[in-house]
Amino acid sequence: MTSHTLATILGSIAAVCTTIAFLPQAIKTIKTKHTKDLSLSMYTLLNLGIFLWFCYGILIKEVPVILANGITWIFTMTILALIIKYK
């Protein structure tokens, strides 16, 4: 196994873990519409960072970076939109 293959496997596993981590919060926020305890500034900065990682992944043509951040951005943008809507 080459170091590039190992790096791709590790990156893919990390991508799945960090992407799935936001799913429960997104589901809970959609269901309850409760956003009082969620930080607008944190989710704004987080969304910007995830979007920039997504762009970076496109520039370096790394599928795990693109997929993980693209999907995570959808989840976190959903949460951010709900924070703005329900605060």
PDB file of N, CA and C in Angstrom:
ATOM      1  N   MET A   1       0.847  -1.170   0.000  1.00  0.00           N
ATOM      2  CA  MET A   1       0.000   0.000   0.000  1.00  0.00           C
ATOM      3  C   MET A   1       0.901   1.244   0.000  1.00  0.00           C
ATOM      4  N   THR A   2       0.629   2.138  -0.923  1.00  0.00           N
ATOM      5  CA  THR A   2       1.440   3.353  -1.017  1.00  0.00           C
ATOM      6  C   THR A   2       0.989   4.364   0.035  1.00  0.00           C
ATOM      7  N   SER A   3       1.845   5.337   0.266  1.00  0.00           N
ATOM      8  CA  SER A   3       1.499   6.368   1.244  1.00  0.00           C
ATOM      9  C   SER A   3       0.312   7.203   0.759  1.00  0.00           C
ATOM     10  N   HIS A   4       0.196   7.384  -0.561  1.00  0.00           N
ATOM     11  CA  HIS A   4      -0.943   8.135  -1.100  1.00  0.00           C
ATOM     12  C   HIS A   4      -2.251   7.370  -0.870  1.00  0.00           C
ATOM     13  N   THR A   5      -2.220   6.056  -1.054  1.00  0.00           N
ATOM     14  CA  THR A   5      -3.404   5.227  -0.821  1.00  0.00           C
ATOM     15  C   THR A   5      -3.795   5.273   0.649  1.00  0.00           C
ATOM     16  N   LEU A   6      -2.818   5.151   1.523  1.00  0.00           N
ATOM     17  CA  LEU A   6      -3.085   5.223   2.962  1.00  0.00           C
ATOM     18  C   LEU A   6      -3.663   6.586   3.337  1.00  0.00           C
ATOM     19  N   ALA A   7      -3.099   7.633   2.782  1.00  0.00           N
ATOM     20  CA  ALA A   7      -3.590   8.983   3.060  1.00  0.00           C
ATOM     21  C   ALA A   7      -5.034   9.142   2.575  1.00  0.00           C
ATOM     22  N   THR A   8      -5.350   8.572   1.427  1.00  0.00           N
ATOM     23  CA  THR A   8      -6.712   8.645   0.892  1.00  0.00           C
ATOM     24  C   THR A   8      -7.688   7.885   1.790  1.00  0.00           C
ATOM     25  N   ILE A   9      -7.277   6.724   2.265  1.00  0.00           N
ATOM     26  CA  ILE A   9      -8.123   5.928   3.162  1.00  0.00           C
ATOM     27  C   ILE A   9      -8.353   6.684   4.473  1.00  0.00           C
ATOM     28  N   LEU A  10      -7.284   7.195   5.061  1.00  0.00           N
ATOM     29  CA  LEU A  10      -7.411   7.953   6.314  1.00  0.00           C
ATOM     30  C   LEU A  10      -8.270   9.206   6.116  1.00  0.00           C
ATOM     31  N   GLY A  11      -8.042   9.893   5.029  1.00  0.00           N
ATOM     32  CA  GLY A  11      -8.828  11.091   4.730  1.00  0.00           C
ATOM     33  C   GLY A  11     -10.301  10.769   4.538  1.00  0.00           C
ATOM     34  N   SER A  12     -10.572   9.655   3.900  1.00  0.00           N
ATOM     35  CA  SER A  12     -11.958   9.239   3.677  1.00  0.00           C
ATOM     36  C   SER A  12     -12.648   8.888   4.996  1.00  0.00           C
ATOM     37  N   ILE A  13     -11.960   8.168   5.858  1.00  0.00           N
ATOM     38  CA  ILE A  13     -12.524   7.824   7.170  1.00  0.00           C
ATOM     39  C   ILE A  13     -12.771   9.091   7.992  1.00  0.00           C
ATOM     40  N   ALA A  14     -11.803   9.984   7.999  1.00  0.00           N
ATOM     41  CA  ALA A  14     -11.967  11.252   8.723  1.00  0.00           C
ATOM     42  C   ALA A  14     -13.135  12.046   8.148  1.00  0.00           C
ATOM     43  N   ALA A  15     -13.265  12.054   6.837  1.00  0.00           N
ATOM     44  CA  ALA A  15     -14.353  12.775   6.176  1.00  0.00           C
ATOM     45  C   ALA A  15     -15.711  12.233   6.593  1.00  0.00           C
ATOM     46  N   VAL A  16     -15.838  10.924   6.628  1.00  0.00           N
ATOM     47  CA  VAL A  16     -17.104  10.309   7.040  1.00  0.00           C
ATOM     48  C   VAL A  16     -17.422  10.677   8.488  1.00  0.00           C
ATOM     49  N   CYS A  17     -16.439  10.579   9.355  1.00  0.00           N
ATOM     50  CA  CYS A  17     -16.656  10.890  10.780  1.00  0.00           C
ATOM     51  C   CYS A  17     -17.085  12.345  10.986  1.00  0.00           C
ATOM     52  N   THR A  18     -16.372  13.276  10.392  1.00  0.00           N
ATOM     53  CA  THR A  18     -16.695  14.688  10.620  1.00  0.00           C
ATOM     54  C   THR A  18     -17.996  15.093   9.935  1.00  0.00           C
ATOM     55  N   THR A  19     -18.317  14.468   8.834  1.00  0.00           N
ATOM     56  CA  THR A  19     -19.572  14.777   8.144  1.00  0.00           C
ATOM     57  C   THR A  19     -20.757  14.251   8.935  1.00  0.00           C
ATOM     58  N   ILE A  20     -20.677  13.006   9.362  1.00  0.00           N
ATOM     59  CA  ILE A  20     -21.771  12.394  10.115  1.00  0.00           C
ATOM     60  C   ILE A  20     -21.979  13.101  11.460  1.00  0.00           C
ATOM     61  N   ALA A  21     -20.938  13.677  12.011  1.00  0.00           N
ATOM     62  CA  ALA A  21     -21.037  14.344  13.317  1.00  0.00           C
ATOM     63  C   ALA A  21     -22.078  15.459  13.313  1.00  0.00           C
ATOM     64  N   PHE A  22     -22.306  16.110  12.188  1.00  0.00           N
ATOM     65  CA  PHE A  22     -23.262  17.216  12.132  1.00  0.00           C
ATOM     66  C   PHE A  22     -24.688  16.763  11.860  1.00  0.00           C
ATOM     67  N   LEU A  23     -24.870  15.535  11.427  1.00  0.00           N
ATOM     68  CA  LEU A  23     -26.202  15.051  11.081  1.00  0.00           C
ATOM     69  C   LEU A  23     -27.179  15.060  12.265  1.00  0.00           C
ATOM     70  N   PRO A  24     -26.804  14.558  13.447  1.00  0.00           N
ATOM     71  CA  PRO A  24     -27.757  14.597  14.566  1.00  0.00           C
ATOM     72  C   PRO A  24     -28.203  16.018  14.937  1.00  0.00           C
ATOM     73  N   GLN A  25     -27.284  16.973  14.899  1.00  0.00           N
ATOM     74  CA  GLN A  25     -27.648  18.364  15.218  1.00  0.00           C
ATOM     75  C   GLN A  25     -28.599  18.916  14.169  1.00  0.00           C
ATOM     76  N   ALA A  26     -28.327  18.622  12.905  1.00  0.00           N
ATOM     77  CA  ALA A  26     -29.207  19.106  11.844  1.00  0.00           C
ATOM     78  C   ALA A  26     -30.612  18.513  11.992  1.00  0.00           C
ATOM     79  N   ILE A  27     -30.694  17.207  12.239  1.00  0.00           N
ATOM     80  CA  ILE A  27     -31.993  16.549  12.395  1.00  0.00           C
ATOM     81  C   ILE A  27     -32.741  17.118  13.597  1.00  0.00           C
ATOM     82  N   LYS A  28     -32.039  17.252  14.719  1.00  0.00           N
ATOM     83  CA  LYS A  28     -32.678  17.772  15.933  1.00  0.00           C
ATOM     84  C   LYS A  28     -33.181  19.198  15.723  1.00  0.00           C
ATOM     85  N   THR A  29     -32.380  20.018  15.073  1.00  0.00           N
ATOM     86  CA  THR A  29     -32.764  21.415  14.842  1.00  0.00           C
ATOM     87  C   THR A  29     -33.952  21.503  13.891  1.00  0.00           C
ATOM     88  N   ILE A  30     -33.968  20.670  12.869  1.00  0.00           N
ATOM     89  CA  ILE A  30     -35.099  20.653  11.935  1.00  0.00           C
ATOM     90  C   ILE A  30     -36.374  20.221  12.660  1.00  0.00           C
ATOM     91  N   LYS A  31     -36.270  19.185  13.482  1.00  0.00           N
ATOM     92  CA  LYS A  31     -37.445  18.658  14.178  1.00  0.00           C
ATOM     93  C   LYS A  31     -37.978  19.611  15.243  1.00  0.00           C
ATOM     94  N   THR A  32     -37.082  20.154  16.071  1.00  0.00           N
ATOM     95  CA  THR A  32     -37.524  20.951  17.223  1.00  0.00           C
ATOM     96  C   THR A  32     -37.671  22.437  16.922  1.00  0.00           C
ATOM     97  N   LYS A  33     -36.989  22.902  15.897  1.00  0.00           N
ATOM     98  CA  LYS A  33     -36.946  24.335  15.565  1.00  0.00           C
ATOM     99  C   LYS A  33     -36.385  25.166  16.726  1.00  0.00           C
ATOM    100  N   HIS A  34     -35.673  24.504  17.632  1.00  0.00           N
ATOM    101  CA  HIS A  34     -35.086  25.175  18.806  1.00  0.00           C
ATOM    102  C   HIS A  34     -33.629  25.533  18.487  1.00  0.00           C
ATOM    103  N   THR A  35     -33.349  26.818  18.411  1.00  0.00           N
ATOM    104  CA  THR A  35     -32.002  27.271  18.070  1.00  0.00           C
ATOM    105  C   THR A  35     -31.437  28.250  19.100  1.00  0.00           C
ATOM    106  N   LYS A  36     -32.173  28.466  20.175  1.00  0.00           N
ATOM    107  CA  LYS A  36     -31.773  29.460  21.176  1.00  0.00           C
ATOM    108  C   LYS A  36     -30.347  29.255  21.694  1.00  0.00           C
ATOM    109  N   ASP A  37     -29.971  28.010  21.902  1.00  0.00           N
ATOM    110  CA  ASP A  37     -28.661  27.714  22.485  1.00  0.00           C
ATOM    111  C   ASP A  37     -27.548  27.540  21.458  1.00  0.00           C
ATOM    112  N   LEU A  38     -27.854  27.740  20.181  1.00  0.00           N
ATOM    113  CA  LEU A  38     -26.837  27.610  19.141  1.00  0.00           C
ATOM    114  C   LEU A  38     -26.264  28.978  18.810  1.00  0.00           C
ATOM    115  N   SER A  39     -24.966  29.025  18.615  1.00  0.00           N
ATOM    116  CA  SER A  39     -24.272  30.287  18.378  1.00  0.00           C
ATOM    117  C   SER A  39     -24.293  30.684  16.899  1.00  0.00           C
ATOM    118  N   LEU A  40     -24.874  31.841  16.623  1.00  0.00           N
ATOM    119  CA  LEU A  40     -24.909  32.367  15.259  1.00  0.00           C
ATOM    120  C   LEU A  40     -23.501  32.631  14.742  1.00  0.00           C
ATOM    121  N   SER A  41     -22.662  33.259  15.554  1.00  0.00           N
ATOM    122  CA  SER A  41     -21.305  33.584  15.094  1.00  0.00           C
ATOM    123  C   SER A  41     -20.482  32.320  14.852  1.00  0.00           C
ATOM    124  N   MET A  42     -20.651  31.313  15.706  1.00  0.00           N
ATOM    125  CA  MET A  42     -19.901  30.064  15.520  1.00  0.00           C
ATOM    126  C   MET A  42     -20.321  29.380  14.226  1.00  0.00           C
ATOM    127  N   TYR A  43     -21.622  29.275  13.975  1.00  0.00           N
ATOM    128  CA  TYR A  43     -22.073  28.602  12.753  1.00  0.00           C
ATOM    129  C   TYR A  43     -21.762  29.425  11.507  1.00  0.00           C
ATOM    130  N   THR A  44     -21.725  30.738  11.622  1.00  0.00           N
ATOM    131  CA  THR A  44     -21.337  31.573  10.481  1.00  0.00           C
ATOM    132  C   THR A  44     -19.878  31.316  10.112  1.00  0.00           C
ATOM    133  N   LEU A  45     -18.996  31.359  11.109  1.00  0.00           N
ATOM    134  CA  LEU A  45     -17.575  31.096  10.850  1.00  0.00           C
ATOM    135  C   LEU A  45     -17.332  29.656  10.405  1.00  0.00           C
ATOM    136  N   LEU A  46     -18.028  28.722  11.023  1.00  0.00           N
ATOM    137  CA  LEU A  46     -17.891  27.316  10.645  1.00  0.00           C
ATOM    138  C   LEU A  46     -18.290  27.104   9.189  1.00  0.00           C
ATOM    139  N   ASN A  47     -19.403  27.707   8.774  1.00  0.00           N
ATOM    140  CA  ASN A  47     -19.840  27.574   7.387  1.00  0.00           C
ATOM    141  C   ASN A  47     -18.846  28.175   6.413  1.00  0.00           C
ATOM    142  N   LEU A  48     -18.286  29.305   6.756  1.00  0.00           N
ATOM    143  CA  LEU A  48     -17.264  29.912   5.905  1.00  0.00           C
ATOM    144  C   LEU A  48     -16.057  28.983   5.788  1.00  0.00           C
ATOM    145  N   GLY A  49     -15.593  28.460   6.916  1.00  0.00           N
ATOM    146  CA  GLY A  49     -14.446  27.553   6.906  1.00  0.00           C
ATOM    147  C   GLY A  49     -14.706  26.299   6.097  1.00  0.00           C
ATOM    148  N   ILE A  50     -15.875  25.700   6.266  1.00  0.00           N
ATOM    149  CA  ILE A  50     -16.208  24.487   5.516  1.00  0.00           C
ATOM    150  C   ILE A  50     -16.286  24.789   4.028  1.00  0.00           C
ATOM    151  N   PHE A  51     -16.883  25.920   3.678  1.00  0.00           N
ATOM    152  CA  PHE A  51     -16.955  26.299   2.264  1.00  0.00           C
ATOM    153  C   PHE A  51     -15.559  26.491   1.673  1.00  0.00           C
ATOM    154  N   LEU A  52     -14.671  27.117   2.432  1.00  0.00           N
ATOM    155  CA  LEU A  52     -13.298  27.313   1.954  1.00  0.00           C
ATOM    156  C   LEU A  52     -12.565  25.982   1.810  1.00  0.00           C
ATOM    157  N   TRP A  53     -12.773  25.033   2.745  1.00  0.00           N
ATOM    158  CA  TRP A  53     -12.192  23.694   2.606  1.00  0.00           C
ATOM    159  C   TRP A  53     -12.732  23.006   1.359  1.00  0.00           C
ATOM    160  N   PHE A  54     -14.028  23.181   1.072  1.00  0.00           N
ATOM    161  CA  PHE A  54     -14.641  22.622  -0.127  1.00  0.00           C
ATOM    162  C   PHE A  54     -13.950  23.184  -1.373  1.00  0.00           C
ATOM    163  N   CYS A  55     -13.765  24.490  -1.411  1.00  0.00           N
ATOM    164  CA  CYS A  55     -13.075  25.131  -2.544  1.00  0.00           C
ATOM    165  C   CYS A  55     -11.642  24.621  -2.661  1.00  0.00           C
ATOM    166  N   TYR A  56     -10.966  24.493  -1.548  1.00  0.00           N
ATOM    167  CA  TYR A  56      -9.602  23.968  -1.518  1.00  0.00           C
ATOM    168  C   TYR A  56      -9.573  22.556  -2.104  1.00  0.00           C
ATOM    169  N   GLY A  57     -10.521  21.726  -1.704  1.00  0.00           N
ATOM    170  CA  GLY A  57     -10.592  20.366  -2.236  1.00  0.00           C
ATOM    171  C   GLY A  57     -10.745  20.352  -3.741  1.00  0.00           C
ATOM    172  N   ILE A  58     -11.556  21.260  -4.267  1.00  0.00           N
ATOM    173  CA  ILE A  58     -11.722  21.364  -5.724  1.00  0.00           C
ATOM    174  C   ILE A  58     -10.399  21.758  -6.375  1.00  0.00           C
ATOM    175  N   LEU A  59      -9.721  22.737  -5.792  1.00  0.00           N
ATOM    176  CA  LEU A  59      -8.454  23.209  -6.368  1.00  0.00           C
ATOM    177  C   LEU A  59      -7.381  22.124  -6.393  1.00  0.00           C
ATOM    178  N   ILE A  60      -7.338  21.298  -5.335  1.00  0.00           N
ATOM    179  CA  ILE A  60      -6.314  20.250  -5.292  1.00  0.00           C
ATOM    180  C   ILE A  60      -6.832  18.912  -5.829  1.00  0.00           C
ATOM    181  N   LYS A  61      -8.106  18.896  -6.234  1.00  0.00           N
ATOM    182  CA  LYS A  61      -8.722  17.713  -6.841  1.00  0.00           C
ATOM    183  C   LYS A  61      -8.672  16.481  -5.933  1.00  0.00           C
ATOM    184  N   GLU A  62      -9.044  16.686  -4.664  1.00  0.00           N
ATOM    185  CA  GLU A  62      -9.085  15.587  -3.695  1.00  0.00           C
ATOM    186  C   GLU A  62     -10.541  15.282  -3.339  1.00  0.00           C
ATOM    187  N   VAL A  63     -11.009  14.148  -3.841  1.00  0.00           N
ATOM    188  CA  VAL A  63     -12.407  13.776  -3.676  1.00  0.00           C
ATOM    189  C   VAL A  63     -12.850  13.696  -2.210  1.00  0.00           C
ATOM    190  N   PRO A  64     -12.072  13.096  -1.292  1.00  0.00           N
ATOM    191  CA  PRO A  64     -12.533  13.060   0.099  1.00  0.00           C
ATOM    192  C   PRO A  64     -12.768  14.457   0.687  1.00  0.00           C
ATOM    193  N   VAL A  65     -11.913  15.398   0.359  1.00  0.00           N
ATOM    194  CA  VAL A  65     -12.055  16.770   0.862  1.00  0.00           C
ATOM    195  C   VAL A  65     -13.292  17.426   0.244  1.00  0.00           C
ATOM    196  N   ILE A  66     -13.498  17.210  -1.036  1.00  0.00           N
ATOM    197  CA  ILE A  66     -14.645  17.796  -1.733  1.00  0.00           C
ATOM    198  C   ILE A  66     -15.953  17.235  -1.182  1.00  0.00           C
ATOM    199  N   LEU A  67     -16.064  15.914  -1.128  1.00  0.00           N
ATOM    200  CA  LEU A  67     -17.305  15.284  -0.683  1.00  0.00           C
ATOM    201  C   LEU A  67     -17.621  15.599   0.770  1.00  0.00           C
ATOM    202  N   ALA A  68     -16.637  15.433   1.632  1.00  0.00           N
ATOM    203  CA  ALA A  68     -16.878  15.660   3.061  1.00  0.00           C
ATOM    204  C   ALA A  68     -17.332  17.085   3.313  1.00  0.00           C
ATOM    205  N   ASN A  69     -16.649  18.034   2.746  1.00  0.00           N
ATOM    206  CA  ASN A  69     -16.980  19.426   3.018  1.00  0.00           C
ATOM    207  C   ASN A  69     -18.228  19.878   2.275  1.00  0.00           C
ATOM    208  N   GLY A  70     -18.478  19.320   1.107  1.00  0.00           N
ATOM    209  CA  GLY A  70     -19.717  19.636   0.395  1.00  0.00           C
ATOM    210  C   GLY A  70     -20.944  19.179   1.177  1.00  0.00           C
ATOM    211  N   ILE A  71     -20.910  17.943   1.667  1.00  0.00           N
ATOM    212  CA  ILE A  71     -22.030  17.404   2.439  1.00  0.00           C
ATOM    213  C   ILE A  71     -22.145  18.104   3.793  1.00  0.00           C
ATOM    214  N   THR A  72     -21.018  18.277   4.467  1.00  0.00           N
ATOM    215  CA  THR A  72     -21.035  18.955   5.765  1.00  0.00           C
ATOM    216  C   THR A  72     -21.560  20.378   5.626  1.00  0.00           C
ATOM    217  N   TRP A  73     -21.199  21.050   4.546  1.00  0.00           N
ATOM    218  CA  TRP A  73     -21.665  22.421   4.318  1.00  0.00           C
ATOM    219  C   TRP A  73     -23.186  22.464   4.196  1.00  0.00           C
ATOM    220  N   ILE A  74     -23.767  21.466   3.546  1.00  0.00           N
ATOM    221  CA  ILE A  74     -25.228  21.402   3.444  1.00  0.00           C
ATOM    222  C   ILE A  74     -25.848  21.284   4.835  1.00  0.00           C
ATOM    223  N   PHE A  75     -25.293  20.389   5.662  1.00  0.00           N
ATOM    224  CA  PHE A  75     -25.821  20.217   7.023  1.00  0.00           C
ATOM    225  C   PHE A  75     -25.682  21.497   7.844  1.00  0.00           C
ATOM    226  N   THR A  76     -24.490  22.093   7.815  1.00  0.00           N
ATOM    227  CA  THR A  76     -24.266  23.273   8.654  1.00  0.00           C
ATOM    228  C   THR A  76     -24.990  24.502   8.119  1.00  0.00           C
ATOM    229  N   MET A  77     -25.163  24.587   6.811  1.00  0.00           N
ATOM    230  CA  MET A  77     -25.944  25.699   6.250  1.00  0.00           C
ATOM    231  C   MET A  77     -27.407  25.569   6.649  1.00  0.00           C
ATOM    232  N   THR A  78     -27.905  24.340   6.714  1.00  0.00           N
ATOM    233  CA  THR A  78     -29.276  24.112   7.168  1.00  0.00           C
ATOM    234  C   THR A  78     -29.436  24.602   8.602  1.00  0.00           C
ATOM    235  N   ILE A  79     -28.482  24.230   9.446  1.00  0.00           N
ATOM    236  CA  ILE A  79     -28.529  24.671  10.841  1.00  0.00           C
ATOM    237  C   ILE A  79     -28.439  26.196  10.920  1.00  0.00           C
ATOM    238  N   LEU A  80     -27.523  26.791  10.176  1.00  0.00           N
ATOM    239  CA  LEU A  80     -27.357  28.252  10.190  1.00  0.00           C
ATOM    240  C   LEU A  80     -28.636  28.941   9.728  1.00  0.00           C
ATOM    241  N   ALA A  81     -29.248  28.434   8.666  1.00  0.00           N
ATOM    242  CA  ALA A  81     -30.492  29.031   8.170  1.00  0.00           C
ATOM    243  C   ALA A  81     -31.582  28.956   9.226  1.00  0.00           C
ATOM    244  N   LEU A  82     -31.653  27.849   9.944  1.00  0.00           N
ATOM    245  CA  LEU A  82     -32.654  27.706  10.998  1.00  0.00           C
ATOM    246  C   LEU A  82     -32.359  28.606  12.196  1.00  0.00           C
ATOM    247  N   ILE A  83     -31.078  28.790  12.508  1.00  0.00           N
ATOM    248  CA  ILE A  83     -30.712  29.726  13.583  1.00  0.00           C
ATOM    249  C   ILE A  83     -31.203  31.119  13.235  1.00  0.00           C
ATOM    250  N   ILE A  84     -30.967  31.534  12.010  1.00  0.00           N
ATOM    251  CA  ILE A  84     -31.381  32.861  11.571  1.00  0.00           C
ATOM    252  C   ILE A  84     -32.912  32.965  11.558  1.00  0.00           C
ATOM    253  N   LYS A  85     -33.587  31.934  11.081  1.00  0.00           N
ATOM    254  CA  LYS A  85     -35.043  31.945  10.986  1.00  0.00           C
ATOM    255  C   LYS A  85     -35.730  31.965  12.347  1.00  0.00           C
ATOM    256  N   TYR A  86     -35.235  31.186  13.297  1.00  0.00           N
ATOM    257  CA  TYR A  86     -35.935  30.996  14.566  1.00  0.00           C
ATOM    258  C   TYR A  86     -35.390  31.798  15.742  1.00  0.00           C
ATOM    259  N   LYS A  87     -34.359  32.608  15.554  1.00  0.00           N
ATOM    260  CA  LYS A  87     -33.848  33.422  16.675  1.00  0.00           C
ATOM    261  C   LYS A  87     -34.647  34.679  16.828  1.00  0.00           C
TER     262      LYS A  87
END
